[in-house]
Amino acid sequence: MTHPVDSHVGKRVRHRRWMVAMTQQQLADKVGIKFQQIQKYETGMNRISASRLWDISEALGVSVSFFFEGLGDSATETDESLAASDILADKEALQLVRSYYAIPENQRRRLFELARVLSDAA
């Protein structure tokens, strides 16, 4: 049985990997392991050692603390963080976020305001 912290960290690895448009194989190559191990990390089946998490954070361009963001004091996910992780688990949502950040900042702000107005009107 997977520990909630291992699952959370694995999800954060997967989300960040998706955000930087990196495959499991590419991440595995950068870290020096097989892609199957990345799969096990991302599902929480295998725990990530501190040194491996450091290597992954370097490869993905984030601090180690990034992988623990969103964990509650009790080390279990709240309903709100579960809903957010469910949204980010959807490939379409991640592609949308990736595309959004590819838009120049001034246009992105205008798009964000448009989306906010449309959602308020719905």
PDB file of N, CA and C in Angstrom:
ATOM      1  N   MET A   1       0.842  -1.184   0.000  1.00  0.00           N
ATOM      2  CA  MET A   1       0.000   0.000   0.000  1.00  0.00           C
ATOM      3  C   MET A   1       0.884   1.244   0.000  1.00  0.00           C
ATOM      4  N   THR A   2       0.528   2.208  -0.825  1.00  0.00           N
ATOM      5  CA  THR A   2       1.354   3.406  -0.935  1.00  0.00           C
ATOM      6  C   THR A   2       1.022   4.396   0.171  1.00  0.00           C
ATOM      7  N   HIS A   3       2.041   5.085   0.623  1.00  0.00           N
ATOM      8  CA  HIS A   3       1.876   6.120   1.637  1.00  0.00           C
ATOM      9  C   HIS A   3       1.383   7.387   0.929  1.00  0.00           C
ATOM     10  N   PRO A   4       0.482   8.151   1.561  1.00  0.00           N
ATOM     11  CA  PRO A   4      -0.044   9.370   0.917  1.00  0.00           C
ATOM     12  C   PRO A   4       1.041  10.369   0.516  1.00  0.00           C
ATOM     13  N   VAL A   5       2.112  10.451   1.293  1.00  0.00           N
ATOM     14  CA  VAL A   5       3.197  11.378   0.939  1.00  0.00           C
ATOM     15  C   VAL A   5       3.899  10.914  -0.330  1.00  0.00           C
ATOM     16  N   ASP A   6       4.147   9.614  -0.439  1.00  0.00           N
ATOM     17  CA  ASP A   6       4.790   9.078  -1.647  1.00  0.00           C
ATOM     18  C   ASP A   6       3.928   9.327  -2.879  1.00  0.00           C
ATOM     19  N   SER A   7       2.623   9.151  -2.729  1.00  0.00           N
ATOM     20  CA  SER A   7       1.695   9.410  -3.838  1.00  0.00           C
ATOM     21  C   SER A   7       1.709  10.889  -4.225  1.00  0.00           C
ATOM     22  N   HIS A   8       1.684  11.755  -3.218  1.00  0.00           N
ATOM     23  CA  HIS A   8       1.680  13.192  -3.477  1.00  0.00           C
ATOM     24  C   HIS A   8       2.952  13.629  -4.198  1.00  0.00           C
ATOM     25  N   VAL A   9       4.098  13.180  -3.702  1.00  0.00           N
ATOM     26  CA  VAL A   9       5.379  13.540  -4.320  1.00  0.00           C
ATOM     27  C   VAL A   9       5.431  13.009  -5.753  1.00  0.00           C
ATOM     28  N   GLY A  10       4.973  11.784  -5.960  1.00  0.00           N
ATOM     29  CA  GLY A  10       4.952  11.208  -7.306  1.00  0.00           C
ATOM     30  C   GLY A  10       4.079  12.003  -8.257  1.00  0.00           C
ATOM     31  N   LYS A  11       2.913  12.448  -7.780  1.00  0.00           N
ATOM     32  CA  LYS A  11       2.029  13.271  -8.615  1.00  0.00           C
ATOM     33  C   LYS A  11       2.691  14.590  -8.972  1.00  0.00           C
ATOM     34  N   ARG A  12       3.382  15.169  -8.003  1.00  0.00           N
ATOM     35  CA  ARG A  12       4.067  16.447  -8.264  1.00  0.00           C
ATOM     36  C   ARG A  12       5.199  16.259  -9.282  1.00  0.00           C
ATOM     37  N   VAL A  13       5.885  15.119  -9.222  1.00  0.00           N
ATOM     38  CA  VAL A  13       6.924  14.828 -10.227  1.00  0.00           C
ATOM     39  C   VAL A  13       6.273  14.751 -11.603  1.00  0.00           C
ATOM     40  N   ARG A  14       5.188  13.993 -11.705  1.00  0.00           N
ATOM     41  CA  ARG A  14       4.499  13.843 -12.989  1.00  0.00           C
ATOM     42  C   ARG A  14       4.003  15.188 -13.513  1.00  0.00           C
ATOM     43  N   HIS A  15       3.393  15.989 -12.648  1.00  0.00           N
ATOM     44  CA  HIS A  15       2.861  17.278 -13.088  1.00  0.00           C
ATOM     45  C   HIS A  15       3.969  18.196 -13.582  1.00  0.00           C
ATOM     46  N   ARG A  16       5.065  18.253 -12.841  1.00  0.00           N
ATOM     47  CA  ARG A  16       6.165  19.115 -13.270  1.00  0.00           C
ATOM     48  C   ARG A  16       6.767  18.604 -14.578  1.00  0.00           C
ATOM     49  N   ARG A  17       6.906  17.297 -14.695  1.00  0.00           N
ATOM     50  CA  ARG A  17       7.458  16.723 -15.931  1.00  0.00           C
ATOM     51  C   ARG A  17       6.578  17.110 -17.115  1.00  0.00           C
ATOM     52  N   TRP A  18       5.258  17.035 -16.918  1.00  0.00           N
ATOM     53  CA  TRP A  18       4.326  17.429 -17.968  1.00  0.00           C
ATOM     54  C   TRP A  18       4.447  18.915 -18.287  1.00  0.00           C
ATOM     55  N   MET A  19       4.592  19.734 -17.255  1.00  0.00           N
ATOM     56  CA  MET A  19       4.666  21.178 -17.460  1.00  0.00           C
ATOM     57  C   MET A  19       5.879  21.574 -18.290  1.00  0.00           C
ATOM     58  N   VAL A  20       6.956  20.850 -18.145  1.00  0.00           N
ATOM     59  CA  VAL A  20       8.153  21.164 -18.929  1.00  0.00           C
ATOM     60  C   VAL A  20       8.246  20.321 -20.194  1.00  0.00           C
ATOM     61  N   ALA A  21       7.156  19.602 -20.509  1.00  0.00           N
ATOM     62  CA  ALA A  21       7.065  18.800 -21.741  1.00  0.00           C
ATOM     63  C   ALA A  21       8.213  17.797 -21.853  1.00  0.00           C
ATOM     64  N   MET A  22       8.434  17.062 -20.777  1.00  0.00           N
ATOM     65  CA  MET A  22       9.486  16.055 -20.739  1.00  0.00           C
ATOM     66  C   MET A  22       8.846  14.674 -20.633  1.00  0.00           C
ATOM     67  N   THR A  23       9.374  13.726 -21.365  1.00  0.00           N
ATOM     68  CA  THR A  23       8.870  12.358 -21.279  1.00  0.00           C
ATOM     69  C   THR A  23       9.503  11.659 -20.073  1.00  0.00           C
ATOM     70  N   GLN A  24       8.910  10.528 -19.708  1.00  0.00           N
ATOM     71  CA  GLN A  24       9.501   9.730 -18.630  1.00  0.00           C
ATOM     72  C   GLN A  24      10.899   9.272 -19.025  1.00  0.00           C
ATOM     73  N   GLN A  25      11.080   8.931 -20.284  1.00  0.00           N
ATOM     74  CA  GLN A  25      12.395   8.480 -20.749  1.00  0.00           C
ATOM     75  C   GLN A  25      13.423   9.603 -20.645  1.00  0.00           C
ATOM     76  N   GLN A  26      13.041  10.814 -21.026  1.00  0.00           N
ATOM     77  CA  GLN A  26      13.971  11.940 -20.942  1.00  0.00           C
ATOM     78  C   GLN A  26      14.377  12.222 -19.499  1.00  0.00           C
ATOM     79  N   LEU A  27      13.401  12.189 -18.598  1.00  0.00           N
ATOM     80  CA  LEU A  27      13.715  12.409 -17.188  1.00  0.00           C
ATOM     81  C   LEU A  27      14.614  11.293 -16.664  1.00  0.00           C
ATOM     82  N   ALA A  28      14.282  10.073 -17.006  1.00  0.00           N
ATOM     83  CA  ALA A  28      15.094   8.936 -16.564  1.00  0.00           C
ATOM     84  C   ALA A  28      16.536   9.071 -17.062  1.00  0.00           C
ATOM     85  N   ASP A  29      16.712   9.480 -18.313  1.00  0.00           N
ATOM     86  CA  ASP A  29      18.053   9.660 -18.866  1.00  0.00           C
ATOM     87  C   ASP A  29      18.826  10.733 -18.097  1.00  0.00           C
ATOM     88  N   LYS A  30      18.148  11.835 -17.758  1.00  0.00           N
ATOM     89  CA  LYS A  30      18.815  12.923 -17.027  1.00  0.00           C
ATOM     90  C   LYS A  30      19.213  12.491 -15.620  1.00  0.00           C
ATOM     91  N   VAL A  31      18.402  11.623 -15.026  1.00  0.00           N
ATOM     92  CA  VAL A  31      18.654  11.192 -13.652  1.00  0.00           C
ATOM     93  C   VAL A  31      19.551   9.959 -13.608  1.00  0.00           C
ATOM     94  N   GLY A  32      19.631   9.236 -14.730  1.00  0.00           N
ATOM     95  CA  GLY A  32      20.497   8.057 -14.798  1.00  0.00           C
ATOM     96  C   GLY A  32      19.829   6.779 -14.326  1.00  0.00           C
ATOM     97  N   ILE A  33      18.527   6.666 -14.573  1.00  0.00           N
ATOM     98  CA  ILE A  33      17.791   5.456 -14.205  1.00  0.00           C
ATOM     99  C   ILE A  33      16.926   5.030 -15.385  1.00  0.00           C
ATOM    100  N   LYS A  34      16.206   3.935 -15.239  1.00  0.00           N
ATOM    101  CA  LYS A  34      15.310   3.463 -16.298  1.00  0.00           C
ATOM    102  C   LYS A  34      13.948   4.135 -16.171  1.00  0.00           C
ATOM    103  N   PHE A  35      13.258   4.302 -17.293  1.00  0.00           N
ATOM    104  CA  PHE A  35      11.981   5.007 -17.274  1.00  0.00           C
ATOM    105  C   PHE A  35      10.941   4.277 -16.437  1.00  0.00           C
ATOM    106  N   GLN A  36      11.084   2.954 -16.309  1.00  0.00           N
ATOM    107  CA  GLN A  36      10.131   2.195 -15.484  1.00  0.00           C
ATOM    108  C   GLN A  36      10.187   2.650 -14.024  1.00  0.00           C
ATOM    109  N   GLN A  37      11.377   3.058 -13.595  1.00  0.00           N
ATOM    110  CA  GLN A  37      11.518   3.546 -12.222  1.00  0.00           C
ATOM    111  C   GLN A  37      10.788   4.883 -12.068  1.00  0.00           C
ATOM    112  N   ILE A  38      10.848   5.719 -13.086  1.00  0.00           N
ATOM    113  CA  ILE A  38      10.099   6.988 -13.055  1.00  0.00           C
ATOM    114  C   ILE A  38       8.606   6.682 -12.945  1.00  0.00           C
ATOM    115  N   GLN A  39       8.140   5.682 -13.702  1.00  0.00           N
ATOM    116  CA  GLN A  39       6.726   5.296 -13.620  1.00  0.00           C
ATOM    117  C   GLN A  39       6.356   4.905 -12.189  1.00  0.00           C
ATOM    118  N   LYS A  40       7.199   4.134 -11.550  1.00  0.00           N
ATOM    119  CA  LYS A  40       6.918   3.693 -10.181  1.00  0.00           C
ATOM    120  C   LYS A  40       6.949   4.863  -9.212  1.00  0.00           C
ATOM    121  N   TYR A  41       7.867   5.811  -9.417  1.00  0.00           N
ATOM    122  CA  TYR A  41       7.901   7.004  -8.567  1.00  0.00           C
ATOM    123  C   TYR A  41       6.621   7.817  -8.727  1.00  0.00           C
ATOM    124  N   GLU A  42       6.197   8.000  -9.974  1.00  0.00           N
ATOM    125  CA  GLU A  42       5.045   8.851 -10.249  1.00  0.00           C
ATOM    126  C   GLU A  42       3.739   8.271  -9.709  1.00  0.00           C
ATOM    127  N   THR A  43       3.656   6.967  -9.601  1.00  0.00           N
ATOM    128  CA  THR A  43       2.443   6.354  -9.048  1.00  0.00           C
ATOM    129  C   THR A  43       2.523   6.223  -7.531  1.00  0.00           C
ATOM    130  N   GLY A  44       3.694   6.469  -6.966  1.00  0.00           N
ATOM    131  CA  GLY A  44       3.873   6.329  -5.531  1.00  0.00           C
ATOM    132  C   GLY A  44       4.163   4.902  -5.110  1.00  0.00           C
ATOM    133  N   MET A  45       4.301   3.996  -6.082  1.00  0.00           N
ATOM    134  CA  MET A  45       4.596   2.597  -5.743  1.00  0.00           C
ATOM    135  C   MET A  45       5.974   2.463  -5.094  1.00  0.00           C
ATOM    136  N   ASN A  46       6.935   3.258  -5.570  1.00  0.00           N
ATOM    137  CA  ASN A  46       8.273   3.264  -4.985  1.00  0.00           C
ATOM    138  C   ASN A  46       8.545   4.631  -4.382  1.00  0.00           C
ATOM    139  N   ARG A  47       9.166   4.618  -3.214  1.00  0.00           N
ATOM    140  CA  ARG A  47       9.570   5.864  -2.578  1.00  0.00           C
ATOM    141  C   ARG A  47      10.790   6.418  -3.281  1.00  0.00           C
ATOM    142  N   ILE A  48      10.871   7.737  -3.284  1.00  0.00           N
ATOM    143  CA  ILE A  48      12.015   8.411  -3.895  1.00  0.00           C
ATOM    144  C   ILE A  48      12.974   8.787  -2.772  1.00  0.00           C
ATOM    145  N   SER A  49      14.208   8.329  -2.868  1.00  0.00           N
ATOM    146  CA  SER A  49      15.198   8.670  -1.847  1.00  0.00           C
ATOM    147  C   SER A  49      15.528  10.156  -1.931  1.00  0.00           C
ATOM    148  N   ALA A  50      16.110  10.688  -0.877  1.00  0.00           N
ATOM    149  CA  ALA A  50      16.445  12.109  -0.829  1.00  0.00           C
ATOM    150  C   ALA A  50      17.400  12.497  -1.962  1.00  0.00           C
ATOM    151  N   SER A  51      18.418  11.687  -2.184  1.00  0.00           N
ATOM    152  CA  SER A  51      19.385  12.016  -3.235  1.00  0.00           C
ATOM    153  C   SER A  51      18.756  11.930  -4.625  1.00  0.00           C
ATOM    154  N   ARG A  52      17.864  10.966  -4.824  1.00  0.00           N
ATOM    155  CA  ARG A  52      17.185  10.835  -6.120  1.00  0.00           C
ATOM    156  C   ARG A  52      16.223  12.011  -6.330  1.00  0.00           C
ATOM    157  N   LEU A  53      15.524  12.409  -5.255  1.00  0.00           N
ATOM    158  CA  LEU A  53      14.609  13.546  -5.350  1.00  0.00           C
ATOM    159  C   LEU A  53      15.389  14.816  -5.683  1.00  0.00           C
ATOM    160  N   TRP A  54      16.581  14.928  -5.135  1.00  0.00           N
ATOM    161  CA  TRP A  54      17.450  16.066  -5.452  1.00  0.00           C
ATOM    162  C   TRP A  54      17.786  16.056  -6.947  1.00  0.00           C
ATOM    163  N   ASP A  55      18.165  14.891  -7.471  1.00  0.00           N
ATOM    164  CA  ASP A  55      18.492  14.770  -8.895  1.00  0.00           C
ATOM    165  C   ASP A  55      17.280  15.109  -9.771  1.00  0.00           C
ATOM    166  N   ILE A  56      16.111  14.627  -9.377  1.00  0.00           N
ATOM    167  CA  ILE A  56      14.884  14.900 -10.137  1.00  0.00           C
ATOM    168  C   ILE A  56      14.560  16.390 -10.104  1.00  0.00           C
ATOM    169  N   SER A  57      14.732  17.006  -8.944  1.00  0.00           N
ATOM    170  CA  SER A  57      14.446  18.441  -8.845  1.00  0.00           C
ATOM    171  C   SER A  57      15.387  19.243  -9.750  1.00  0.00           C
ATOM    172  N   GLU A  58      16.642  18.840  -9.798  1.00  0.00           N
ATOM    173  CA  GLU A  58      17.605  19.504 -10.689  1.00  0.00           C
ATOM    174  C   GLU A  58      17.192  19.329 -12.154  1.00  0.00           C
ATOM    175  N   ALA A  59      16.803  18.121 -12.520  1.00  0.00           N
ATOM    176  CA  ALA A  59      16.423  17.824 -13.908  1.00  0.00           C
ATOM    177  C   ALA A  59      15.161  18.579 -14.317  1.00  0.00           C
ATOM    178  N   LEU A  60      14.242  18.793 -13.364  1.00  0.00           N
ATOM    179  CA  LEU A  60      12.977  19.457 -13.672  1.00  0.00           C
ATOM    180  C   LEU A  60      13.007  20.960 -13.380  1.00  0.00           C
ATOM    181  N   GLY A  61      14.117  21.439 -12.843  1.00  0.00           N
ATOM    182  CA  GLY A  61      14.274  22.877 -12.622  1.00  0.00           C
ATOM    183  C   GLY A  61      13.427  23.456 -11.503  1.00  0.00           C
ATOM    184  N   VAL A  62      13.246  22.696 -10.438  1.00  0.00           N
ATOM    185  CA  VAL A  62      12.500  23.176  -9.272  1.00  0.00           C
ATOM    186  C   VAL A  62      13.273  22.819  -8.007  1.00  0.00           C
ATOM    187  N   SER A  63      12.881  23.435  -6.885  1.00  0.00           N
ATOM    188  CA  SER A  63      13.490  23.070  -5.613  1.00  0.00           C
ATOM    189  C   SER A  63      12.851  21.778  -5.112  1.00  0.00           C
ATOM    190  N   VAL A  64      13.526  21.101  -4.216  1.00  0.00           N
ATOM    191  CA  VAL A  64      12.998  19.869  -3.647  1.00  0.00           C
ATOM    192  C   VAL A  64      11.670  20.137  -2.942  1.00  0.00           C
ATOM    193  N   SER A  65      11.545  21.298  -2.325  1.00  0.00           N
ATOM    194  CA  SER A  65      10.317  21.620  -1.584  1.00  0.00           C
ATOM    195  C   SER A  65       9.087  21.671  -2.496  1.00  0.00           C
ATOM    196  N   PHE A  66       9.284  21.890  -3.792  1.00  0.00           N
ATOM    197  CA  PHE A  66       8.176  21.922  -4.744  1.00  0.00           C
ATOM    198  C   PHE A  66       7.345  20.640  -4.655  1.00  0.00           C
ATOM    199  N   PHE A  67       7.998  19.515  -4.453  1.00  0.00           N
ATOM    200  CA  PHE A  67       7.311  18.230  -4.461  1.00  0.00           C
ATOM    201  C   PHE A  67       6.440  18.007  -3.223  1.00  0.00           C
ATOM    202  N   PHE A  68       6.666  18.814  -2.191  1.00  0.00           N
ATOM    203  CA  PHE A  68       5.899  18.678  -0.958  1.00  0.00           C
ATOM    204  C   PHE A  68       4.826  19.756  -0.806  1.00  0.00           C
ATOM    205  N   GLU A  69       4.793  20.712  -1.729  1.00  0.00           N
ATOM    206  CA  GLU A  69       3.781  21.757  -1.661  1.00  0.00           C
ATOM    207  C   GLU A  69       2.394  21.139  -1.750  1.00  0.00           C
ATOM    208  N   GLY A  70       1.493  21.646  -0.916  1.00  0.00           N
ATOM    209  CA  GLY A  70       0.128  21.155  -0.933  1.00  0.00           C
ATOM    210  C   GLY A  70      -0.154  20.050   0.058  1.00  0.00           C
ATOM    211  N   LEU A  71       0.889  19.582   0.746  1.00  0.00           N
ATOM    212  CA  LEU A  71       0.673  18.568   1.781  1.00  0.00           C
ATOM    213  C   LEU A  71       0.205  19.261   3.051  1.00  0.00           C
ATOM    214  N   GLY A  72      -0.801  18.693   3.705  1.00  0.00           N
ATOM    215  CA  GLY A  72      -1.275  19.244   4.969  1.00  0.00           C
ATOM    216  C   GLY A  72      -0.365  18.838   6.105  1.00  0.00           C
ATOM    217  N   ASP A  73      -0.607  19.393   7.286  1.00  0.00           N
ATOM    218  CA  ASP A  73       0.197  19.047   8.461  1.00  0.00           C
ATOM    219  C   ASP A  73       0.089  17.568   8.807  1.00  0.00           C
ATOM    220  N   SER A  74      -1.051  16.970   8.470  1.00  0.00           N
ATOM    221  CA  SER A  74      -1.252  15.562   8.809  1.00  0.00           C
ATOM    222  C   SER A  74      -0.703  14.629   7.737  1.00  0.00           C
ATOM    223  N   ALA A  75      -0.083  15.200   6.695  1.00  0.00           N
ATOM    224  CA  ALA A  75       0.511  14.429   5.596  1.00  0.00           C
ATOM    225  C   ALA A  75      -0.538  13.656   4.798  1.00  0.00           C
ATOM    226  N   THR A  76      -1.791  14.114   4.836  1.00  0.00           N
ATOM    227  CA  THR A  76      -2.826  13.541   3.985  1.00  0.00           C
ATOM    228  C   THR A  76      -3.430  14.665   3.174  1.00  0.00           C
ATOM    229  N   GLU A  77      -3.935  14.320   2.005  1.00  0.00           N
ATOM    230  CA  GLU A  77      -4.479  15.336   1.128  1.00  0.00           C
ATOM    231  C   GLU A  77      -5.895  15.706   1.549  1.00  0.00           C
ATOM    232  N   THR A  78      -6.195  16.994   1.464  1.00  0.00           N
ATOM    233  CA  THR A  78      -7.545  17.463   1.741  1.00  0.00           C
ATOM    234  C   THR A  78      -8.397  17.276   0.499  1.00  0.00           C
ATOM    235  N   ASP A  79      -9.704  17.430   0.651  1.00  0.00           N
ATOM    236  CA  ASP A  79     -10.594  17.319  -0.503  1.00  0.00           C
ATOM    237  C   ASP A  79     -10.223  18.336  -1.567  1.00  0.00           C
ATOM    238  N   GLU A  80      -9.839  19.554  -1.153  1.00  0.00           N
ATOM    239  CA  GLU A  80      -9.482  20.606  -2.112  1.00  0.00           C
ATOM    240  C   GLU A  80      -8.221  20.244  -2.891  1.00  0.00           C
ATOM    241  N   SER A  81      -7.197  19.738  -2.211  1.00  0.00           N
ATOM    242  CA  SER A  81      -5.970  19.385  -2.929  1.00  0.00           C
ATOM    243  C   SER A  81      -6.178  18.143  -3.789  1.00  0.00           C
ATOM    244  N   LEU A  82      -7.067  17.243  -3.363  1.00  0.00           N
ATOM    245  CA  LEU A  82      -7.397  16.093  -4.207  1.00  0.00           C
ATOM    246  C   LEU A  82      -8.075  16.544  -5.492  1.00  0.00           C
ATOM    247  N   ALA A  83      -8.990  17.516  -5.384  1.00  0.00           N
ATOM    248  CA  ALA A  83      -9.670  18.028  -6.569  1.00  0.00           C
ATOM    249  C   ALA A  83      -8.671  18.683  -7.510  1.00  0.00           C
ATOM    250  N   ALA A  84      -7.733  19.447  -6.968  1.00  0.00           N
ATOM    251  CA  ALA A  84      -6.719  20.089  -7.809  1.00  0.00           C
ATOM    252  C   ALA A  84      -5.838  19.053  -8.488  1.00  0.00           C
ATOM    253  N   SER A  85      -5.453  18.008  -7.762  1.00  0.00           N
ATOM    254  CA  SER A  85      -4.600  17.003  -8.382  1.00  0.00           C
ATOM    255  C   SER A  85      -5.369  16.194  -9.422  1.00  0.00           C
ATOM    256  N   ASP A  86      -6.682  16.000  -9.216  1.00  0.00           N
ATOM    257  CA  ASP A  86      -7.492  15.313 -10.216  1.00  0.00           C
ATOM    258  C   ASP A  86      -7.541  16.126 -11.503  1.00  0.00           C
ATOM    259  N   ILE A  87      -7.661  17.428 -11.388  1.00  0.00           N
ATOM    260  CA  ILE A  87      -7.688  18.301 -12.562  1.00  0.00           C
ATOM    261  C   ILE A  87      -6.355  18.215 -13.290  1.00  0.00           C
ATOM    262  N   LEU A  88      -5.254  18.283 -12.543  1.00  0.00           N
ATOM    263  CA  LEU A  88      -3.940  18.241 -13.172  1.00  0.00           C
ATOM    264  C   LEU A  88      -3.564  16.863 -13.679  1.00  0.00           C
ATOM    265  N   ALA A  89      -4.286  15.845 -13.266  1.00  0.00           N
ATOM    266  CA  ALA A  89      -4.035  14.496 -13.782  1.00  0.00           C
ATOM    267  C   ALA A  89      -4.583  14.337 -15.195  1.00  0.00           C
ATOM    268  N   ASP A  90      -5.454  15.252 -15.607  1.00  0.00           N
ATOM    269  CA  ASP A  90      -6.059  15.206 -16.928  1.00  0.00           C
ATOM    270  C   ASP A  90      -5.079  15.782 -17.956  1.00  0.00           C
ATOM    271  N   LYS A  91      -4.763  15.004 -18.981  1.00  0.00           N
ATOM    272  CA  LYS A  91      -3.795  15.448 -19.988  1.00  0.00           C
ATOM    273  C   LYS A  91      -4.238  16.730 -20.679  1.00  0.00           C
ATOM    274  N   GLU A  92      -5.531  16.838 -20.965  1.00  0.00           N
ATOM    275  CA  GLU A  92      -6.043  18.028 -21.637  1.00  0.00           C
ATOM    276  C   GLU A  92      -5.826  19.275 -20.784  1.00  0.00           C
ATOM    277  N   ALA A  93      -6.051  19.162 -19.480  1.00  0.00           N
ATOM    278  CA  ALA A  93      -5.855  20.302 -18.584  1.00  0.00           C
ATOM    279  C   ALA A  93      -4.382  20.710 -18.551  1.00  0.00           C
ATOM    280  N   LEU A  94      -3.496  19.731 -18.511  1.00  0.00           N
ATOM    281  CA  LEU A  94      -2.072  20.048 -18.504  1.00  0.00           C
ATOM    282  C   LEU A  94      -1.630  20.672 -19.824  1.00  0.00           C
ATOM    283  N   GLN A  95      -2.170  20.191 -20.930  1.00  0.00           N
ATOM    284  CA  GLN A  95      -1.836  20.784 -22.225  1.00  0.00           C
ATOM    285  C   GLN A  95      -2.341  22.220 -22.293  1.00  0.00           C
ATOM    286  N   LEU A  96      -3.521  22.461 -21.725  1.00  0.00           N
ATOM    287  CA  LEU A  96      -4.070  23.811 -21.692  1.00  0.00           C
ATOM    288  C   LEU A  96      -3.179  24.746 -20.879  1.00  0.00           C
ATOM    289  N   VAL A  97      -2.732  24.281 -19.720  1.00  0.00           N
ATOM    290  CA  VAL A  97      -1.858  25.096 -18.880  1.00  0.00           C
ATOM    291  C   VAL A  97      -0.536  25.366 -19.579  1.00  0.00           C
ATOM    292  N   ARG A  98       0.026  24.337 -20.198  1.00  0.00           N
ATOM    293  CA  ARG A  98       1.290  24.497 -20.917  1.00  0.00           C
ATOM    294  C   ARG A  98       1.135  25.501 -22.065  1.00  0.00           C
ATOM    295  N   SER A  99       0.037  25.408 -22.805  1.00  0.00           N
ATOM    296  CA  SER A  99      -0.220  26.328 -23.911  1.00  0.00           C
ATOM    297  C   SER A  99      -0.431  27.745 -23.396  1.00  0.00           C
ATOM    298  N   TYR A 100      -1.141  27.862 -22.281  1.00  0.00           N
ATOM    299  CA  TYR A 100      -1.410  29.169 -21.673  1.00  0.00           C
ATOM    300  C   TYR A 100      -0.099  29.889 -21.351  1.00  0.00           C
ATOM    301  N   TYR A 101       0.845  29.178 -20.750  1.00  0.00           N
ATOM    302  CA  TYR A 101       2.111  29.807 -20.373  1.00  0.00           C
ATOM    303  C   TYR A 101       3.035  30.040 -21.567  1.00  0.00           C
ATOM    304  N   ALA A 102       2.711  29.487 -22.711  1.00  0.00           N
ATOM    305  CA  ALA A 102       3.487  29.742 -23.920  1.00  0.00           C
ATOM    306  C   ALA A 102       3.067  31.060 -24.577  1.00  0.00           C
ATOM    307  N   ILE A 103       1.932  31.605 -24.171  1.00  0.00           N
ATOM    308  CA  ILE A 103       1.424  32.869 -24.715  1.00  0.00           C
ATOM    309  C   ILE A 103       2.202  34.012 -24.080  1.00  0.00           C
ATOM    310  N   PRO A 104       2.563  35.050 -24.858  1.00  0.00           N
ATOM    311  CA  PRO A 104       3.253  36.213 -24.282  1.00  0.00           C
ATOM    312  C   PRO A 104       2.448  36.804 -23.119  1.00  0.00           C
ATOM    313  N   GLU A 105       3.165  37.320 -22.128  1.00  0.00           N
ATOM    314  CA  GLU A 105       2.543  37.719 -20.860  1.00  0.00           C
ATOM    315  C   GLU A 105       1.397  38.717 -21.009  1.00  0.00           C
ATOM    316  N   ASN A 106       1.554  39.740 -21.830  1.00  0.00           N
ATOM    317  CA  ASN A 106       0.473  40.732 -21.949  1.00  0.00           C
ATOM    318  C   ASN A 106      -0.790  40.113 -22.560  1.00  0.00           C
ATOM    319  N   GLN A 107      -0.631  39.228 -23.524  1.00  0.00           N
ATOM    320  CA  GLN A 107      -1.783  38.548 -24.113  1.00  0.00           C
ATOM    321  C   GLN A 107      -2.370  37.534 -23.130  1.00  0.00           C
ATOM    322  N   ARG A 108      -1.501  36.926 -22.350  1.00  0.00           N
ATOM    323  CA  ARG A 108      -1.950  35.941 -21.366  1.00  0.00           C
ATOM    324  C   ARG A 108      -2.832  36.611 -20.310  1.00  0.00           C
ATOM    325  N   ARG A 109      -2.439  37.799 -19.866  1.00  0.00           N
ATOM    326  CA  ARG A 109      -3.258  38.527 -18.890  1.00  0.00           C
ATOM    327  C   ARG A 109      -4.629  38.841 -19.455  1.00  0.00           C
ATOM    328  N   ARG A 110      -4.680  39.243 -20.715  1.00  0.00           N
ATOM    329  CA  ARG A 110      -5.974  39.557 -21.337  1.00  0.00           C
ATOM    330  C   ARG A 110      -6.826  38.303 -21.464  1.00  0.00           C
ATOM    331  N   LEU A 111      -6.203  37.191 -21.833  1.00  0.00           N
ATOM    332  CA  LEU A 111      -6.922  35.924 -21.934  1.00  0.00           C
ATOM    333  C   LEU A 111      -7.463  35.505 -20.569  1.00  0.00           C
ATOM    334  N   PHE A 112      -6.654  35.693 -19.529  1.00  0.00           N
ATOM    335  CA  PHE A 112      -7.079  35.356 -18.176  1.00  0.00           C
ATOM    336  C   PHE A 112      -8.297  36.187 -17.769  1.00  0.00           C
ATOM    337  N   GLU A 113      -8.256  37.479 -18.051  1.00  0.00           N
ATOM    338  CA  GLU A 113      -9.394  38.348 -17.721  1.00  0.00           C
ATOM    339  C   GLU A 113     -10.652  37.925 -18.480  1.00  0.00           C
ATOM    340  N   LEU A 114     -10.490  37.557 -19.746  1.00  0.00           N
ATOM    341  CA  LEU A 114     -11.616  37.083 -20.545  1.00  0.00           C
ATOM    342  C   LEU A 114     -12.198  35.811 -19.924  1.00  0.00           C
ATOM    343  N   ALA A 115     -11.341  34.881 -19.543  1.00  0.00           N
ATOM    344  CA  ALA A 115     -11.801  33.627 -18.932  1.00  0.00           C
ATOM    345  C   ALA A 115     -12.529  33.912 -17.622  1.00  0.00           C
ATOM    346  N   ARG A 116     -12.027  34.865 -16.835  1.00  0.00           N
ATOM    347  CA  ARG A 116     -12.672  35.199 -15.581  1.00  0.00           C
ATOM    348  C   ARG A 116     -14.062  35.783 -15.815  1.00  0.00           C
ATOM    349  N   VAL A 117     -14.191  36.684 -16.789  1.00  0.00           N
ATOM    350  CA  VAL A 117     -15.483  37.287 -17.107  1.00  0.00           C
ATOM    351  C   VAL A 117     -16.465  36.216 -17.586  1.00  0.00           C
ATOM    352  N   LEU A 118     -15.990  35.323 -18.460  1.00  0.00           N
ATOM    353  CA  LEU A 118     -16.862  34.257 -18.971  1.00  0.00           C
ATOM    354  C   LEU A 118     -17.318  33.322 -17.853  1.00  0.00           C
ATOM    355  N   SER A 119     -16.416  32.989 -16.933  1.00  0.00           N
ATOM    356  CA  SER A 119     -16.815  32.084 -15.850  1.00  0.00           C
ATOM    357  C   SER A 119     -17.762  32.762 -14.874  1.00  0.00           C
ATOM    358  N   ASP A 120     -17.617  34.066 -14.650  1.00  0.00           N
ATOM    359  CA  ASP A 120     -18.548  34.796 -13.794  1.00  0.00           C
ATOM    360  C   ASP A 120     -19.935  34.869 -14.412  1.00  0.00           C
ATOM    361  N   ALA A 121     -19.978  34.933 -15.743  1.00  0.00           N
ATOM    362  CA  ALA A 121     -21.266  35.043 -16.449  1.00  0.00           C
ATOM    363  C   ALA A 121     -21.970  33.695 -16.545  1.00  0.00           C
ATOM    364  N   ALA A 122     -21.225  32.620 -16.387  1.00  0.00           N
ATOM    365  CA  ALA A 122     -21.823  31.277 -16.536  1.00  0.00           C
ATOM    366  C   ALA A 122     -22.721  30.895 -15.384  1.00  0.00           C
TER     367      ALA A 122
END
